[in-house]
């Protein structure tokens, strides 16, 4: 199934049965998310490891954890490759099996082979407009991490550039570390 064609409410979308395909709710339609390939999978794992070590007692890291947001005034349920939400925004004692109910501190999207940087930039802007505090767009081909901010132009980091950010105090990583640990040639 490429997408569910009828207009769905948020409640109807969330009630869809889970299957082998991950869907995002966009403009009232369930759209399939791209199936990750090898490098995408490696990057997801590597970023998850870096963030999970750093996030201990600070917040929660989620892999493909859907988020309930608004986009252009409509319900939107994107599924970022990774997200981080601090315990100051989502209490650690909230244990519900549901999409993340608030905009996370960080959403990470890894560009798949048939996606463009432009498409991911537009999605990053949608995330920011919905209240996500930072968005990282990771490009395995260019070996870059572009950081999108709500109040400043995006910055593209390469090589030994630090991904330091006052929002993620103590997180010390570089694109080189990410791509080397992920084994991306």
Protein backbone atom coordinates (compact mmCIF):
# COMPACT_ATOMS: atom_id res chain seq x y z
CA UNK A 1 0.00 0.00 0.00
CA UNK A 2 1.61 3.30 -1.07
CA UNK A 3 -0.66 5.50 0.99
CA UNK A 4 -4.10 5.50 2.50
CA UNK A 5 -6.10 7.76 0.16
CA UNK A 6 -8.96 9.01 2.32
CA UNK A 7 -8.56 12.01 4.60
CA UNK A 8 -7.76 10.78 8.09
CA UNK A 9 -8.21 12.46 11.42
CA UNK A 10 -5.45 12.12 13.98
CA UNK A 11 -7.57 9.64 15.93
CA UNK A 12 -8.20 7.52 12.80
CA UNK A 13 -4.52 7.60 11.87
CA UNK A 14 -3.41 6.51 15.33
CA UNK A 15 -5.98 3.68 15.26
CA UNK A 16 -4.55 2.18 12.04
CA UNK A 17 -3.16 -1.29 12.60
CA UNK A 18 0.59 -1.59 12.86
CA UNK A 19 2.28 -3.49 10.08
CA UNK A 20 5.60 -3.84 8.34
CA UNK A 21 5.44 -0.32 6.90
CA UNK A 22 5.86 2.84 8.98
CA UNK A 23 3.51 5.66 8.03
CA UNK A 24 3.54 9.40 8.70
CA UNK A 25 0.37 11.52 8.77
CA UNK A 26 0.84 14.37 6.28
CA UNK A 27 -1.99 16.59 5.06
CA UNK A 28 -4.60 14.10 6.26
CA UNK A 29 -3.03 11.14 4.46
CA UNK A 30 -0.98 8.20 5.70
CA UNK A 31 2.26 8.30 3.72
CA UNK A 32 4.80 5.46 3.90
CA UNK A 33 8.21 6.28 5.28
CA UNK A 34 11.24 5.21 3.25
CA UNK A 35 12.65 1.80 4.23
CA UNK A 36 16.18 2.39 5.58
CA UNK A 37 19.17 0.89 3.82
CA UNK A 38 22.54 -0.20 5.25
CA UNK A 39 24.27 3.19 5.73
CA UNK A 40 21.06 4.75 7.04
CA UNK A 41 20.74 1.92 9.56
CA UNK A 42 24.38 2.28 10.64
CA UNK A 43 23.98 6.02 11.13
CA UNK A 44 20.79 5.54 13.14
CA UNK A 45 22.55 3.06 15.42
CA UNK A 46 25.64 5.24 15.84
CA UNK A 47 23.69 8.41 16.59
CA UNK A 48 21.50 6.49 19.00
CA UNK A 49 24.57 5.23 20.86
CA UNK A 50 26.12 8.72 21.15
CA UNK A 51 22.84 10.30 22.26
CA UNK A 52 21.83 7.51 24.66
CA UNK A 53 25.15 7.70 26.54
CA UNK A 54 24.86 11.48 26.79
CA UNK A 55 21.13 11.54 27.63
CA UNK A 56 21.30 9.29 30.71
CA UNK A 57 19.29 11.05 33.47
CA UNK A 58 18.61 13.97 31.08
CA UNK A 59 15.95 12.68 28.75
CA UNK A 60 14.81 10.00 26.36
CA UNK A 61 16.15 9.03 22.94
CA UNK A 62 13.71 7.43 20.53
CA UNK A 63 14.32 5.62 17.25
CA UNK A 64 11.47 6.13 14.77
CA UNK A 65 9.19 7.37 17.55
CA UNK A 66 6.26 9.23 16.01
CA UNK A 67 5.41 12.74 17.24
CA UNK A 68 2.00 14.41 17.27
CA UNK A 69 2.50 17.94 15.93
CA UNK A 70 0.72 20.57 13.84
CA UNK A 71 1.82 21.51 10.32
CA UNK A 72 0.12 24.39 8.53
CA UNK A 73 -2.75 24.15 11.02
CA UNK A 74 -3.35 20.42 10.46
CA UNK A 75 -2.47 17.36 12.50
CA UNK A 76 0.92 16.04 11.49
CA UNK A 77 2.57 12.85 12.71
CA UNK A 78 6.14 12.68 11.44
CA UNK A 79 8.43 9.80 12.36
CA UNK A 80 11.97 11.14 12.64
CA UNK A 81 14.82 8.67 12.41
CA UNK A 82 15.75 9.68 15.96
CA UNK A 83 14.53 12.14 18.52
CA UNK A 84 15.59 13.36 21.92
CA UNK A 85 13.17 14.82 24.44
CA UNK A 86 14.41 16.12 27.78
CA UNK A 87 12.81 15.17 31.06
CA UNK A 88 12.14 18.87 31.64
CA UNK A 89 9.74 18.71 28.67
CA UNK A 90 8.41 15.16 29.09
CA UNK A 91 8.49 13.75 32.60
CA UNK A 92 10.40 10.50 33.02
CA UNK A 93 7.44 8.89 34.82
CA UNK A 94 5.16 9.22 31.77
CA UNK A 95 4.90 5.67 30.48
CA UNK A 96 2.40 5.54 27.63
CA UNK A 97 2.73 3.55 24.42
CA UNK A 98 1.84 6.43 22.12
CA UNK A 99 3.48 8.97 19.86
CA UNK A 100 5.59 11.59 21.62
CA UNK A 101 2.93 14.06 22.77
CA UNK A 102 5.12 17.18 22.69
CA UNK A 103 7.67 18.68 20.32
CA UNK A 104 11.04 17.12 21.19
CA UNK A 105 14.22 19.04 21.83
CA UNK A 106 15.86 17.36 18.81
CA UNK A 107 14.63 15.57 15.69
CA UNK A 108 17.18 13.85 13.44
CA UNK A 109 16.48 12.96 9.82
CA UNK A 110 18.97 10.92 7.78
CA UNK A 111 18.72 11.51 4.04
CA UNK A 112 17.80 8.32 2.18
CA UNK A 113 19.10 7.69 -1.37
CA UNK A 114 15.91 8.89 -3.08
CA UNK A 115 15.41 11.92 -0.85
CA UNK A 116 16.93 15.33 -1.45
CA UNK A 117 18.51 17.80 0.93
CA UNK A 118 15.84 20.28 -0.18
CA UNK A 119 13.04 17.93 0.91
CA UNK A 120 14.69 17.39 4.28
CA UNK A 121 15.29 21.14 4.69
CA UNK A 122 11.58 21.77 4.14
CA UNK A 123 10.74 19.07 6.68
CA UNK A 124 13.23 20.61 9.13
CA UNK A 125 11.45 23.96 8.75
CA UNK A 126 8.12 22.25 9.43
CA UNK A 127 9.58 20.67 12.59
CA UNK A 128 10.85 24.05 13.82
CA UNK A 129 7.51 25.73 13.08
CA UNK A 130 5.83 22.99 15.13
CA UNK A 131 8.02 23.71 18.18
CA UNK A 132 10.93 21.28 17.80
CA UNK A 133 13.97 23.08 19.18
CA UNK A 134 16.69 21.65 16.90
CA UNK A 135 16.74 19.52 13.76
CA UNK A 136 19.76 17.68 12.42
CA UNK A 137 19.75 16.58 8.79
CA UNK A 138 22.43 13.96 8.25
CA UNK A 139 23.80 13.40 4.73
CA UNK A 140 25.84 10.18 4.37
CA UNK A 141 27.01 11.03 0.83
CA UNK A 142 28.33 14.48 1.74
CA UNK A 143 29.31 13.37 5.27
CA UNK A 144 27.65 16.42 6.77
CA UNK A 145 25.30 17.26 9.60
CA UNK A 146 23.20 20.39 9.01
CA UNK A 147 21.75 21.89 12.16
CA UNK A 148 18.52 23.86 11.88
CA UNK A 149 17.66 26.45 14.54
CA UNK A 150 14.38 28.28 15.17
CA UNK A 151 16.08 31.66 15.42
CA UNK A 152 19.20 31.44 13.22
CA UNK A 153 20.22 30.20 9.77
CA UNK A 154 21.15 26.51 9.45
CA UNK A 155 24.79 25.53 9.89
CA UNK A 156 26.39 22.66 8.01
CA UNK A 157 29.08 20.82 9.97
CA UNK A 158 31.79 18.64 8.41
CA UNK A 159 34.92 16.81 9.50
CA UNK A 160 36.08 17.85 12.94
CA UNK A 161 33.50 20.63 13.34
CA UNK A 162 31.91 20.32 16.75
CA UNK A 163 28.18 19.74 17.09
CA UNK A 164 28.32 21.56 20.46
CA UNK A 165 25.07 23.27 21.37
CA UNK A 166 24.05 24.99 24.62
CA UNK A 167 20.78 23.05 24.38
CA UNK A 168 22.72 19.76 24.65
CA UNK A 169 25.34 20.72 27.21
CA UNK A 170 28.15 18.18 27.40
CA UNK A 171 27.36 16.42 24.12
CA UNK A 172 30.74 16.39 22.36
CA UNK A 173 30.69 14.83 18.88
CA UNK A 174 31.80 15.68 15.37
CA UNK A 175 30.63 14.51 11.94
CA UNK A 176 33.93 12.61 11.53
CA UNK A 177 33.24 10.66 14.74
CA UNK A 178 29.71 9.83 13.61
CA UNK A 179 30.63 8.68 10.09
CA UNK A 180 33.77 6.80 11.20
CA UNK A 181 31.96 4.90 13.97
CA UNK A 182 29.14 4.10 11.53
CA UNK A 183 31.71 2.73 9.06
CA UNK A 184 30.58 5.02 6.24
CA UNK A 185 33.28 5.06 3.53
